[in-house]
N, C-alpha and C. Protein backbone atom coordinates (compact mmCIF):
# COMPACT_ATOMS: atom_id res chain seq x y z
N UNK A 1 -20.65 9.03 33.20
CA UNK A 1 -20.01 8.17 32.24
C UNK A 1 -20.73 6.83 32.24
N UNK A 2 -20.85 6.20 31.05
CA UNK A 2 -21.57 4.96 30.91
C UNK A 2 -20.76 3.76 31.38
N UNK A 3 -21.43 2.66 31.39
CA UNK A 3 -20.81 1.42 31.81
C UNK A 3 -19.81 0.96 30.74
N UNK A 4 -18.65 0.44 31.18
CA UNK A 4 -17.61 -0.05 30.27
C UNK A 4 -18.10 -1.33 29.59
N UNK A 5 -18.08 -1.35 28.26
CA UNK A 5 -18.50 -2.52 27.50
C UNK A 5 -17.33 -3.48 27.36
N UNK A 6 -17.63 -4.77 27.39
CA UNK A 6 -16.61 -5.80 27.22
C UNK A 6 -16.92 -6.62 25.98
N UNK A 7 -15.87 -7.01 25.26
CA UNK A 7 -16.06 -7.86 24.09
C UNK A 7 -16.32 -9.29 24.55
N UNK A 8 -16.57 -10.18 23.61
CA UNK A 8 -16.86 -11.57 23.95
C UNK A 8 -15.67 -12.26 24.60
N UNK A 9 -14.45 -11.80 24.30
CA UNK A 9 -13.27 -12.42 24.92
C UNK A 9 -12.87 -11.71 26.21
N UNK A 10 -13.69 -10.77 26.70
CA UNK A 10 -13.46 -10.12 27.98
C UNK A 10 -12.66 -8.84 27.94
N UNK A 11 -12.16 -8.45 26.76
CA UNK A 11 -11.39 -7.21 26.66
C UNK A 11 -12.33 -6.01 26.56
N UNK A 12 -11.96 -4.88 27.15
CA UNK A 12 -12.83 -3.70 27.07
C UNK A 12 -12.81 -3.09 25.67
N UNK A 13 -13.91 -2.45 25.31
CA UNK A 13 -14.00 -1.75 24.03
C UNK A 13 -13.08 -0.53 24.07
N UNK A 14 -12.54 -0.12 22.91
CA UNK A 14 -11.71 1.09 22.87
C UNK A 14 -12.53 2.32 23.24
N UNK A 15 -11.89 3.36 23.76
CA UNK A 15 -12.61 4.59 24.09
C UNK A 15 -13.27 5.19 22.85
N UNK A 16 -14.47 5.66 23.00
CA UNK A 16 -15.20 6.29 21.91
C UNK A 16 -16.07 5.33 21.11
N UNK A 17 -15.92 4.03 21.29
CA UNK A 17 -16.74 3.05 20.58
C UNK A 17 -18.01 2.84 21.38
N UNK A 18 -19.15 3.03 20.72
CA UNK A 18 -20.43 2.92 21.40
C UNK A 18 -21.28 1.85 20.71
N UNK A 19 -22.14 1.18 21.45
CA UNK A 19 -23.03 0.20 20.82
C UNK A 19 -24.08 0.91 19.96
N UNK A 20 -24.52 0.22 18.91
CA UNK A 20 -25.56 0.78 18.05
C UNK A 20 -26.92 0.52 18.66
N UNK A 21 -27.77 1.54 18.74
CA UNK A 21 -29.12 1.30 19.23
C UNK A 21 -29.93 0.55 18.16
N UNK A 22 -30.85 -0.26 18.59
CA UNK A 22 -31.62 -1.05 17.65
C UNK A 22 -32.71 -0.25 16.95
N UNK A 23 -33.13 0.88 17.52
CA UNK A 23 -34.13 1.68 16.82
C UNK A 23 -33.47 2.33 15.61
N UNK A 24 -34.06 2.18 14.44
CA UNK A 24 -33.50 2.69 13.20
C UNK A 24 -32.55 1.71 12.53
N UNK A 25 -32.32 0.56 13.16
CA UNK A 25 -31.39 -0.42 12.62
C UNK A 25 -31.89 -1.00 11.30
N UNK A 26 -33.20 -0.95 11.09
CA UNK A 26 -33.76 -1.47 9.84
C UNK A 26 -33.37 -0.61 8.63
N UNK A 27 -32.78 0.55 8.86
CA UNK A 27 -32.32 1.41 7.76
C UNK A 27 -31.00 0.90 7.18
N UNK A 28 -30.34 0.02 7.90
CA UNK A 28 -29.07 -0.54 7.44
C UNK A 28 -29.35 -1.75 6.56
N UNK A 29 -28.71 -1.79 5.38
CA UNK A 29 -28.93 -2.88 4.45
C UNK A 29 -27.63 -3.42 3.88
N UNK A 30 -27.71 -4.62 3.34
CA UNK A 30 -26.54 -5.29 2.79
C UNK A 30 -26.94 -5.94 1.47
N UNK A 31 -26.21 -5.62 0.39
CA UNK A 31 -26.48 -6.19 -0.93
C UNK A 31 -25.70 -7.49 -1.04
N UNK A 32 -26.40 -8.60 -1.18
CA UNK A 32 -25.74 -9.92 -1.16
C UNK A 32 -24.81 -10.15 -2.35
N UNK A 33 -25.16 -9.63 -3.52
CA UNK A 33 -24.33 -9.87 -4.71
C UNK A 33 -23.08 -9.00 -4.73
N UNK A 34 -23.22 -7.71 -4.44
CA UNK A 34 -22.08 -6.80 -4.51
C UNK A 34 -21.36 -6.66 -3.18
N UNK A 35 -21.93 -7.19 -2.11
CA UNK A 35 -21.37 -7.09 -0.75
C UNK A 35 -21.26 -5.64 -0.29
N UNK A 36 -22.11 -4.77 -0.81
CA UNK A 36 -22.09 -3.35 -0.46
C UNK A 36 -23.01 -3.08 0.72
N UNK A 37 -22.57 -2.21 1.60
CA UNK A 37 -23.35 -1.79 2.75
C UNK A 37 -24.16 -0.55 2.36
N UNK A 38 -25.44 -0.52 2.74
CA UNK A 38 -26.32 0.61 2.41
C UNK A 38 -26.95 1.16 3.69
N UNK A 39 -27.16 2.47 3.71
CA UNK A 39 -27.89 3.11 4.79
C UNK A 39 -29.04 3.89 4.17
N UNK A 40 -30.25 3.49 4.51
CA UNK A 40 -31.47 4.11 3.99
C UNK A 40 -31.48 4.09 2.46
N UNK A 41 -30.99 2.99 1.87
CA UNK A 41 -31.01 2.82 0.43
C UNK A 41 -29.83 3.43 -0.30
N UNK A 42 -28.95 4.11 0.40
CA UNK A 42 -27.81 4.78 -0.22
C UNK A 42 -26.54 4.00 0.14
N UNK A 43 -25.70 3.68 -0.88
CA UNK A 43 -24.47 2.94 -0.57
C UNK A 43 -23.57 3.72 0.39
N UNK A 44 -22.99 3.00 1.34
CA UNK A 44 -22.05 3.60 2.29
C UNK A 44 -20.66 3.51 1.65
N UNK A 45 -19.98 4.65 1.55
CA UNK A 45 -18.65 4.68 0.94
C UNK A 45 -17.66 4.15 1.96
N UNK A 46 -16.97 3.07 1.58
CA UNK A 46 -16.02 2.44 2.50
C UNK A 46 -14.62 2.37 1.91
N UNK A 47 -14.34 3.14 0.86
CA UNK A 47 -13.01 3.11 0.27
C UNK A 47 -12.34 4.47 0.45
N UNK A 48 -11.03 4.45 0.33
CA UNK A 48 -10.26 5.68 0.43
C UNK A 48 -9.23 5.67 -0.68
N UNK A 49 -9.21 6.72 -1.46
CA UNK A 49 -8.22 6.84 -2.53
C UNK A 49 -7.16 7.85 -2.09
N UNK A 50 -5.95 7.63 -2.55
CA UNK A 50 -4.86 8.53 -2.20
C UNK A 50 -5.06 9.89 -2.85
N UNK A 51 -4.78 10.94 -2.10
CA UNK A 51 -4.77 12.27 -2.66
C UNK A 51 -3.49 12.50 -3.44
N UNK A 52 -3.36 13.66 -4.06
CA UNK A 52 -2.18 13.94 -4.87
C UNK A 52 -0.91 13.91 -4.04
N UNK A 53 -0.94 14.51 -2.87
CA UNK A 53 0.25 14.54 -2.02
C UNK A 53 0.60 13.14 -1.54
N UNK A 54 -0.40 12.36 -1.12
CA UNK A 54 -0.15 10.99 -0.66
C UNK A 54 0.39 10.13 -1.79
N UNK A 55 -0.17 10.28 -3.00
CA UNK A 55 0.31 9.51 -4.14
C UNK A 55 1.75 9.88 -4.47
N UNK A 56 2.07 11.17 -4.44
CA UNK A 56 3.43 11.62 -4.72
C UNK A 56 4.41 11.03 -3.70
N UNK A 57 4.06 11.09 -2.42
CA UNK A 57 4.96 10.56 -1.40
C UNK A 57 5.12 9.04 -1.51
N UNK A 58 4.05 8.34 -1.84
CA UNK A 58 4.14 6.89 -2.02
C UNK A 58 5.01 6.54 -3.23
N UNK A 59 4.85 7.28 -4.33
CA UNK A 59 5.68 7.04 -5.51
C UNK A 59 7.14 7.36 -5.22
N UNK A 60 7.38 8.43 -4.49
CA UNK A 60 8.75 8.80 -4.13
C UNK A 60 9.39 7.71 -3.26
N UNK A 61 8.65 7.19 -2.31
CA UNK A 61 9.17 6.12 -1.46
C UNK A 61 9.44 4.85 -2.27
N UNK A 62 8.57 4.54 -3.22
CA UNK A 62 8.77 3.35 -4.06
C UNK A 62 10.02 3.50 -4.92
N UNK A 63 10.19 4.66 -5.53
CA UNK A 63 11.38 4.89 -6.36
C UNK A 63 12.65 4.86 -5.50
N UNK A 64 12.61 5.47 -4.33
CA UNK A 64 13.79 5.47 -3.45
C UNK A 64 14.14 4.05 -3.03
N UNK A 65 13.14 3.22 -2.76
CA UNK A 65 13.38 1.83 -2.40
C UNK A 65 14.01 1.06 -3.56
N UNK A 66 13.50 1.27 -4.76
CA UNK A 66 14.04 0.58 -5.94
C UNK A 66 15.48 1.01 -6.19
N UNK A 67 15.78 2.28 -6.07
CA UNK A 67 17.14 2.78 -6.29
C UNK A 67 18.08 2.23 -5.22
N UNK A 68 17.63 2.21 -3.96
CA UNK A 68 18.45 1.66 -2.88
C UNK A 68 18.74 0.18 -3.12
N UNK A 69 17.77 -0.57 -3.63
CA UNK A 69 17.98 -1.99 -3.92
C UNK A 69 18.99 -2.17 -5.04
N UNK A 70 18.92 -1.34 -6.07
CA UNK A 70 19.89 -1.41 -7.16
C UNK A 70 21.29 -1.07 -6.68
N UNK A 71 21.42 -0.06 -5.86
CA UNK A 71 22.73 0.31 -5.32
C UNK A 71 23.29 -0.82 -4.46
N UNK A 72 22.46 -1.43 -3.64
CA UNK A 72 22.91 -2.54 -2.80
C UNK A 72 23.34 -3.73 -3.65
N UNK A 73 22.60 -4.03 -4.72
CA UNK A 73 22.97 -5.13 -5.60
C UNK A 73 24.29 -4.84 -6.30
N UNK A 74 24.50 -3.61 -6.75
CA UNK A 74 25.75 -3.22 -7.38
C UNK A 74 26.91 -3.31 -6.39
N UNK A 75 26.70 -2.84 -5.17
CA UNK A 75 27.75 -2.91 -4.16
C UNK A 75 28.11 -4.37 -3.86
N UNK A 76 27.11 -5.22 -3.80
CA UNK A 76 27.37 -6.65 -3.56
C UNK A 76 28.17 -7.26 -4.72
N UNK A 77 27.78 -6.93 -5.95
CA UNK A 77 28.48 -7.46 -7.11
C UNK A 77 29.94 -6.98 -7.13
N UNK A 78 30.16 -5.72 -6.82
CA UNK A 78 31.53 -5.20 -6.78
C UNK A 78 32.34 -5.86 -5.66
N UNK A 79 31.71 -6.13 -4.54
CA UNK A 79 32.40 -6.78 -3.43
C UNK A 79 32.80 -8.21 -3.81
N UNK A 80 31.90 -8.92 -4.46
CA UNK A 80 32.20 -10.29 -4.90
C UNK A 80 33.32 -10.26 -5.94
N UNK A 81 33.26 -9.32 -6.87
CA UNK A 81 34.29 -9.20 -7.90
C UNK A 81 35.65 -8.88 -7.27
N UNK A 82 35.65 -7.98 -6.27
CA UNK A 82 36.91 -7.61 -5.62
C UNK A 82 37.49 -8.78 -4.83
N UNK A 83 36.64 -9.60 -4.26
CA UNK A 83 37.12 -10.73 -3.45
C UNK A 83 37.62 -11.88 -4.32
N UNK A 84 36.89 -12.21 -5.36
CA UNK A 84 37.23 -13.39 -6.15
C UNK A 84 37.89 -13.06 -7.48
N UNK A 85 37.88 -11.81 -7.88
CA UNK A 85 38.49 -11.42 -9.16
C UNK A 85 37.66 -11.90 -10.33
N UNK A 86 38.19 -11.69 -11.49
CA UNK A 86 37.49 -12.12 -12.70
C UNK A 86 37.54 -13.64 -12.79
N UNK A 87 36.44 -14.22 -13.05
CA UNK A 87 36.37 -15.68 -13.17
C UNK A 87 36.65 -16.05 -14.62
N UNK A 88 37.65 -16.90 -14.82
CA UNK A 88 37.96 -17.33 -16.19
C UNK A 88 37.42 -18.72 -16.38
N UNK A 89 36.90 -19.00 -17.55
CA UNK A 89 36.34 -20.34 -17.79
C UNK A 89 37.46 -21.38 -17.81
N UNK A 90 37.15 -22.59 -17.40
CA UNK A 90 38.19 -23.65 -17.42
C UNK A 90 38.56 -23.98 -18.86
N UNK A 91 39.83 -24.34 -19.06
CA UNK A 91 40.32 -24.63 -20.40
C UNK A 91 40.22 -26.09 -20.70
């Protein structure tokens, strides 16, 4: 097993993280205008889009949250109405 690497603040690196060797490092590039990372002239894909199942579950959670908020607001309004009754304007 190799020597445990330490970060600049003295904490150990997480398991599985290895230092990059400098040989071949010149193949790594950075586009200053687009801020895109390239390896051997090819852009490195650094984004992740939701799949159909993930999108469905996220939409379901968003709708459930919105419905729960509406129900809570309605319950609060009914509680206030039950406590104070109908408010009549001053005459």
